[in-house]
Structure formats: structure tokens, C-alpha cells
Amino acid sequence: MNNVAGLLRTSALPPLEARILLGHALGWRRTELITRSDEPLDAEPVARFQALEARRVAGEPVAQLIGAREFFGLDFEVTPDVLIPRPETELLVETALAALDGIARPRMLDLGTGSGAIAVAIASVRPDAQVWAVDRSGEALAVAARNAARLLDAARPGGPVQLERSDWYDALERALRFDVIVSNPPYIASGDPHLTEGDLRFEPRGALTDEADGLSAIRAIIAGAPTRFDEQRGGVLWLEHGYDQAAAVRMLLAQAGFAAVRSECDLAGIERISGGEWRAGV
């Protein structure tokens, strides 16, 4: 029968995914899927759901199918031009916010912003922060711009998120200095089999891999960071990386002269991010 209960019962998808796609096809909230589960459905929304269902069975990510993903309590637009925001990256946001604590009108830089998830999440919690976000992809920056415009108060004291098309620091004004720099760069090695599995097959390859050993982007970010920190206050750099890269990233930070180098674990107990302090006068 073409009702919610029947479609969910016969779906080839896991129940949660089926509910998300059916709610999207119908334009219904989650509660409506329960309260209206026996209501007969028109053929058009049923066909929309079945088309989405077939695409998901073929492997397309749910976030791309519905065009959205929740991250840090905010509903971000997602397209095939950007990396899908993931829960583990919320650790990077939380750690960056902790580093900004106590700094009035801080300046923060997000390198490789993609959908703008990290920059916008931080800007939403710290409306006084001046936030810059860069990406090499013009298509990604367009998505980030729409997310920033929709999710942030236009009158926030720190002003709008400044979006720049840049290969890491290259296009930024030379005089710009920051208190905190964060990045979720491409860190998957070129030969990693995960690139041909699951959702990663449908995400922009340039946001996933450096086409090298997985550390080249991280090396470039670390090398360029010291000249981008405030000369009087110094600054903090935090990087997301792969599950087995923490020791290598800590070594790179220490070799570059960063102090208080450490890694933080995500909820799964994996060392997900590493960072350090650049102290004034170094």
C-alpha cells in the first residue's frame, strides 16, 4: 500500500535512511511520518521517494540526496562540490572555540572551508569573532557563502565571514594575522582503498586526498602558519587528520617550532585532531 508504513516496511534501506528520504520526498517532519503513517499517498511523492531510494541503494550519500547535513546544531546545505560535514569534525570546532575563549574580537582562519561548516559553526557561537575562510574551489565557496548567509545573523559584531578563493594562504592579504587557524585538509593517501568505497566515491576527490602520502597539505599548512599569527599574542593551530596520522602530525608541529603540541580524541577514542601553540617572540 502506498502509505508511509508500507513504504518503510518494504524499503531496501536501513530504517533511518528510509525515514529521512521519505520525509524529504513528502516534505513532512519526522513526527508526521508517525502520526500520518496510514494516510494514503499520492503517486508523485511516492515516485520521488522510490527514485531517491534507488539512488541511495546505488551508493549516493543521503546528505547529497536531500541536499543537507546537520553539523554542530546547524543545518548546512550540501552538494557534490563539498565534503559532507561529519560528526567527528565537531571536535575541531569545540577545540578552536576553547582556544578563542578569553580573546576579545578574535580573528580566526579556516583553511579548505568546503561547505563552510567549521567557519560558520565557530562564527555562530562567537558572534564577535572575525572569521576568514578559504578554499581553492569556487563551487565550494558558493556553497559556503549560501550557508553563511542563511545561518548567521547579518548584524553579527564580527561581520560576515570573509570568503576567499585561495590555495591555503596564498591569496590572503599579507598583513592579515590570526589568533587561531584551523583546517580539515585532504589527508587520505592517494592509494587508500577507502577512496573507492562508500560515500567517499561521490565526494570531491580534491577535498579527500592530496594525491600523495596524505601529509603534504598538512605540511604546507604548518609551514605557512607562523607568519600568519599575531606578533604580540602568538596563536594556535589545529588540524584534523587520519586515524593513524597523529604521531606524524605532532612531529611536524614540533619540528616547525610549535609548543604545547598535543592530540585530542573523538568520541570513538581515535586521535582525530592535533595542534600546538605558536608563541610570540619565537
Protein backbone atom coordinates (compact mmCIF):
# COMPACT_ATOMS: atom_id res chain seq x y z
CA MET A 1 0.00 0.00 0.00
CA ASN A 2 1.23 3.48 -0.81
CA ASN A 3 1.41 4.87 2.69
CA VAL A 4 4.30 5.65 5.00
CA ALA A 5 4.05 2.41 6.94
CA GLY A 6 4.00 0.28 3.82
CA LEU A 7 6.86 2.11 2.09
CA LEU A 8 9.08 1.92 5.14
CA ARG A 9 8.27 -1.74 5.73
CA THR A 10 9.24 -2.75 2.18
CA SER A 11 12.20 -0.40 1.72
CA ALA A 12 15.60 -1.93 0.93
CA LEU A 13 17.27 0.78 3.01
CA PRO A 14 18.10 0.85 6.72
CA PRO A 15 15.07 2.27 8.58
CA LEU A 16 16.70 5.61 9.50
CA GLU A 17 17.80 6.31 5.93
CA ALA A 18 14.40 5.31 4.57
CA ARG A 19 12.65 7.68 7.00
CA ILE A 20 14.96 10.56 6.10
CA LEU A 21 14.43 10.12 2.36
CA LEU A 22 10.70 9.59 2.66
CA GLY A 23 10.30 12.66 4.84
CA HIS A 24 12.27 14.66 2.29
CA ALA A 25 10.18 13.36 -0.64
CA LEU A 26 6.94 14.17 1.17
CA GLY A 27 8.08 17.42 2.75
CA TRP A 28 7.00 16.03 6.13
CA ARG A 29 8.57 16.33 9.56
CA ARG A 30 9.67 13.20 11.40
CA THR A 31 6.64 13.36 13.68
CA GLU A 32 4.31 13.42 10.68
CA LEU A 33 5.78 10.14 9.44
CA ILE A 34 4.46 8.64 12.68
CA THR A 35 1.14 10.45 13.07
CA ARG A 36 0.20 10.11 9.38
CA SER A 37 1.74 6.68 8.74
CA ASP A 38 -1.50 5.10 7.44
CA GLU A 39 -2.57 8.03 5.27
CA PRO A 40 -2.78 7.18 1.52
CA LEU A 41 -0.10 8.94 -0.53
CA ASP A 42 -0.26 10.42 -4.00
CA ALA A 43 1.73 8.75 -6.75
CA GLU A 44 4.08 11.71 -7.32
CA PRO A 45 5.76 11.84 -3.87
CA VAL A 46 5.90 8.03 -3.83
CA ALA A 47 7.76 8.12 -7.14
CA ARG A 48 10.14 10.78 -5.75
CA PHE A 49 10.89 8.57 -2.76
CA GLN A 50 11.45 5.50 -4.90
CA ALA A 51 13.86 7.43 -7.14
CA LEU A 52 15.81 8.62 -4.10
CA GLU A 53 15.74 5.13 -2.66
CA ALA A 54 17.22 3.67 -5.86
CA ARG A 55 19.99 6.26 -5.89
CA ARG A 56 20.85 5.51 -2.27
CA VAL A 57 20.92 1.78 -2.97
CA ALA A 58 23.41 2.62 -5.75
CA GLY A 59 25.59 4.33 -3.15
CA GLU A 60 24.86 8.06 -3.32
CA PRO A 61 25.18 9.71 0.11
CA VAL A 62 21.97 10.62 1.92
CA ALA A 63 23.29 14.15 2.54
CA GLN A 64 23.67 14.75 -1.19
CA LEU A 65 20.27 13.25 -1.96
CA ILE A 66 18.47 15.62 0.40
CA GLY A 67 20.97 18.46 -0.05
CA ALA A 68 21.62 18.97 3.65
CA ARG A 69 23.52 17.70 6.70
CA GLU A 70 23.24 18.76 10.32
CA PHE A 71 26.53 19.86 11.89
CA PHE A 72 27.07 21.47 15.29
CA GLY A 73 23.32 22.03 15.59
CA LEU A 74 23.09 23.85 12.25
CA ASP A 75 21.51 22.65 9.02
CA PHE A 76 24.12 23.01 6.26
CA GLU A 77 23.47 22.86 2.54
CA VAL A 78 25.47 20.05 0.92
CA THR A 79 26.22 19.49 -2.77
CA PRO A 80 28.60 17.15 -4.64
CA ASP A 81 31.06 20.09 -4.71
CA VAL A 82 31.79 19.90 -0.98
CA LEU A 83 32.82 17.38 1.63
CA ILE A 84 29.90 16.17 3.72
CA PRO A 85 30.30 17.54 7.28
CA ARG A 86 30.92 14.71 9.72
CA PRO A 87 30.25 14.48 13.47
CA GLU A 88 33.91 13.85 14.33
CA THR A 89 34.84 17.25 12.88
CA GLU A 90 32.78 18.89 15.62
CA LEU A 91 35.80 18.18 17.87
CA LEU A 92 37.82 20.62 15.75
CA VAL A 93 35.14 23.30 16.27
CA GLU A 94 34.97 22.70 20.02
CA THR A 95 38.75 22.84 20.39
CA ALA A 96 39.02 26.01 18.30
CA LEU A 97 36.32 27.67 20.40
CA ALA A 98 38.25 26.76 23.54
CA ALA A 99 41.36 28.38 22.06
CA LEU A 100 39.36 31.55 21.29
CA ASP A 101 37.97 31.76 24.81
CA GLY A 102 39.03 34.93 26.59
CA ILE A 103 40.16 36.73 23.42
CA ALA A 104 38.06 39.79 22.60
CA ARG A 105 37.12 40.12 18.92
CA PRO A 106 39.43 37.28 17.89
CA ARG A 107 40.50 36.57 14.33
CA MET A 108 40.09 33.03 13.04
CA LEU A 109 41.05 31.38 9.74
CA ASP A 110 39.55 28.19 8.31
CA LEU A 111 41.67 26.66 5.53
CA GLY A 112 39.87 24.49 2.97
CA THR A 113 36.42 25.51 4.19
CA GLY A 114 34.29 23.45 1.76
CA SER A 115 30.66 23.90 2.85
CA GLY A 116 31.79 26.45 5.43
CA ALA A 117 30.74 24.13 8.26
CA ILE A 118 33.70 24.82 10.56
CA ALA A 119 33.87 28.57 9.95
CA VAL A 120 30.12 29.11 10.21
CA ALA A 121 29.79 26.95 13.33
CA ILE A 122 32.53 28.95 15.07
CA ALA A 123 31.07 32.26 13.87
CA SER A 124 27.65 31.27 15.20
CA VAL A 125 28.98 30.64 18.72
CA ARG A 126 31.36 33.63 18.72
CA PRO A 127 29.46 36.45 17.01
CA ASP A 128 32.28 38.84 17.91
CA ALA A 129 34.89 36.77 16.05
CA GLN A 130 36.21 37.96 12.72
CA VAL A 131 36.28 34.85 10.56
CA TRP A 132 38.07 34.19 7.28
CA ALA A 133 37.54 31.02 5.25
CA VAL A 134 39.39 29.96 2.09
CA ASP A 135 39.07 27.22 -0.48
CA ARG A 136 40.58 26.50 -3.90
CA SER A 137 37.17 25.60 -5.30
CA GLY A 138 34.89 28.37 -6.47
CA GLU A 139 31.96 25.95 -6.40
CA ALA A 140 32.65 25.10 -2.77
CA LEU A 141 32.90 28.78 -1.84
CA ALA A 142 29.49 29.39 -3.41
CA VAL A 143 28.01 26.73 -1.11
CA ALA A 144 29.84 28.21 1.89
CA ALA A 145 28.53 31.68 1.04
CA ARG A 146 24.94 30.44 0.95
CA ASN A 147 25.37 28.63 4.26
CA ALA A 148 26.92 31.68 5.93
CA ALA A 149 24.18 33.99 4.64
CA ARG A 150 21.40 31.66 5.79
CA LEU A 151 22.78 30.57 9.15
CA LEU A 152 24.47 33.68 10.54
CA ASP A 153 22.99 36.93 11.80
CA ALA A 154 23.73 39.63 9.22
CA ALA A 155 24.28 42.08 12.08
CA ARG A 156 26.83 39.93 13.98
CA PRO A 157 29.51 42.21 15.57
CA GLY A 158 32.35 40.32 13.89
CA GLY A 159 30.86 40.99 10.46
CA PRO A 160 30.24 38.46 7.71
CA VAL A 161 32.53 35.51 7.17
CA GLN A 162 35.20 36.64 4.71
CA LEU A 163 35.38 34.04 1.94
CA GLU A 164 38.46 33.95 -0.30
CA ARG A 165 39.45 31.70 -3.17
CA SER A 166 42.97 30.70 -2.27
CA ASP A 167 45.43 27.83 -2.26
CA TRP A 168 45.90 27.80 1.50
CA TYR A 169 47.38 31.19 2.49
CA ASP A 170 48.45 32.39 -0.96
CA ALA A 171 45.63 34.84 -1.84
CA LEU A 172 45.19 36.29 1.65
CA GLU A 173 46.42 39.83 2.30
CA ARG A 174 49.95 39.66 3.65
CA ALA A 175 49.10 41.86 6.62
CA LEU A 176 46.32 39.60 7.92
CA ARG A 177 47.08 37.96 11.25
CA PHE A 178 45.04 35.43 13.19
CA ASP A 179 44.64 34.15 16.73
CA VAL A 180 43.51 30.67 15.69
CA ILE A 181 43.95 28.75 12.43
CA VAL A 182 42.04 25.53 11.81
CA SER A 183 41.81 23.12 8.91
CA ASN A 184 40.27 19.84 7.87
CA PRO A 185 42.56 19.34 4.86
CA PRO A 186 42.75 16.45 2.37
CA TYR A 187 44.66 13.83 4.35
CA ILE A 188 43.87 10.48 2.73
CA ALA A 189 46.84 8.96 0.89
CA SER A 190 46.35 8.54 -2.85
CA GLY A 191 46.36 4.73 -2.80
CA ASP A 192 43.98 4.32 0.14
CA PRO A 193 41.17 1.89 -0.81
CA HIS A 194 38.63 3.95 1.18
CA LEU A 195 38.60 6.45 -1.70
CA THR A 196 36.71 3.90 -3.81
CA GLU A 197 34.27 2.88 -1.08
CA GLY A 198 31.03 4.21 0.40
CA ASP A 199 30.16 7.89 0.39
CA LEU A 200 33.73 8.92 -0.49
CA ARG A 201 33.13 7.82 -4.10
CA PHE A 202 30.69 10.70 -4.51
CA GLU A 203 32.58 13.45 -2.70
CA PRO A 204 35.12 15.82 -4.32
CA ARG A 205 38.40 13.92 -4.54
CA GLY A 206 40.43 17.08 -4.02
CA ALA A 207 38.85 17.53 -0.58
CA LEU A 208 39.78 13.98 0.41
CA THR A 209 43.27 13.24 -0.85
CA ASP A 210 46.44 15.20 -1.55
CA GLU A 211 47.28 12.64 -4.25
CA ALA A 212 50.42 11.91 -2.26
CA ASP A 213 51.18 10.48 1.21
CA GLY A 214 48.27 12.21 2.95
CA LEU A 215 50.52 14.68 4.75
CA SER A 216 51.53 17.17 2.04
CA ALA A 217 48.65 19.57 2.69
CA ILE A 218 49.28 19.34 6.43
CA ARG A 219 52.97 20.15 5.89
CA ALA A 220 52.06 23.22 3.80
CA ILE A 221 49.58 24.49 6.40
CA ILE A 222 52.05 24.04 9.27
CA ALA A 223 54.87 25.69 7.34
CA GLY A 224 52.80 28.75 6.46
CA ALA A 225 51.11 29.26 9.81
CA PRO A 226 53.83 31.05 11.86
CA THR A 227 53.87 34.16 9.67
CA ARG A 228 50.08 34.39 9.94
CA PHE A 229 49.84 34.66 13.73
CA ASP A 230 49.56 37.87 15.70
CA GLU A 231 53.08 39.07 16.52
CA GLN A 232 52.15 40.09 20.07
CA ARG A 233 49.81 37.29 21.11
CA GLY A 234 51.08 34.39 19.04
CA GLY A 235 48.41 31.89 18.02
CA VAL A 236 47.10 28.35 17.90
CA LEU A 237 46.88 25.87 15.02
CA TRP A 238 44.59 22.82 14.98
CA LEU A 239 44.37 20.23 12.22
CA GLU A 240 42.09 17.29 11.59
CA HIS A 241 43.88 14.20 10.26
CA GLY A 242 43.54 10.49 9.67
CA TYR A 243 43.16 7.87 12.40
CA ASP A 244 46.82 6.81 12.10
CA GLN A 245 48.47 10.20 11.47
CA ALA A 246 48.50 11.81 14.92
CA ALA A 247 52.12 10.98 15.76
CA ALA A 248 53.35 12.19 12.38
CA VAL A 249 51.40 15.47 12.66
CA ARG A 250 52.68 16.08 16.20
CA MET A 251 56.22 15.57 14.95
CA LEU A 252 55.69 18.05 12.09
CA LEU A 253 54.31 20.64 14.52
CA ALA A 254 57.20 20.20 16.94
CA GLN A 255 59.78 20.38 14.16
CA ALA A 256 58.23 23.65 12.95
CA GLY A 257 58.65 25.20 16.40
CA PHE A 258 55.17 24.85 17.87
CA ALA A 259 54.89 24.43 21.63
CA ALA A 260 52.38 22.54 23.80
CA VAL A 261 51.80 20.12 20.93
CA ARG A 262 49.09 17.57 21.61
CA SER A 263 46.31 15.49 20.04
CA GLU A 264 42.67 15.18 21.05
CA CYS A 265 40.46 12.10 20.70
CA ASP A 266 37.00 11.95 19.20
CA LEU A 267 34.09 10.08 20.79
CA ALA A 268 35.37 6.83 19.31
CA GLY A 269 38.68 7.25 21.15
CA ILE A 270 40.60 8.00 17.93
CA GLU A 271 43.22 10.76 17.91
CA ARG A 272 41.32 12.92 15.43
CA ILE A 273 42.97 16.35 15.69
CA SER A 274 46.42 17.65 16.59
CA GLY A 275 47.63 21.16 17.29
CA GLY A 276 50.03 23.43 19.05
CA GLU A 277 50.78 26.99 20.14
CA TRP A 278 52.94 29.48 18.31
CA ARG A 279 54.33 31.73 21.00
CA ALA A 280 55.11 35.38 20.49
CA GLY A 281 58.79 36.12 20.01
CA VAL A 282 59.66 32.67 18.65
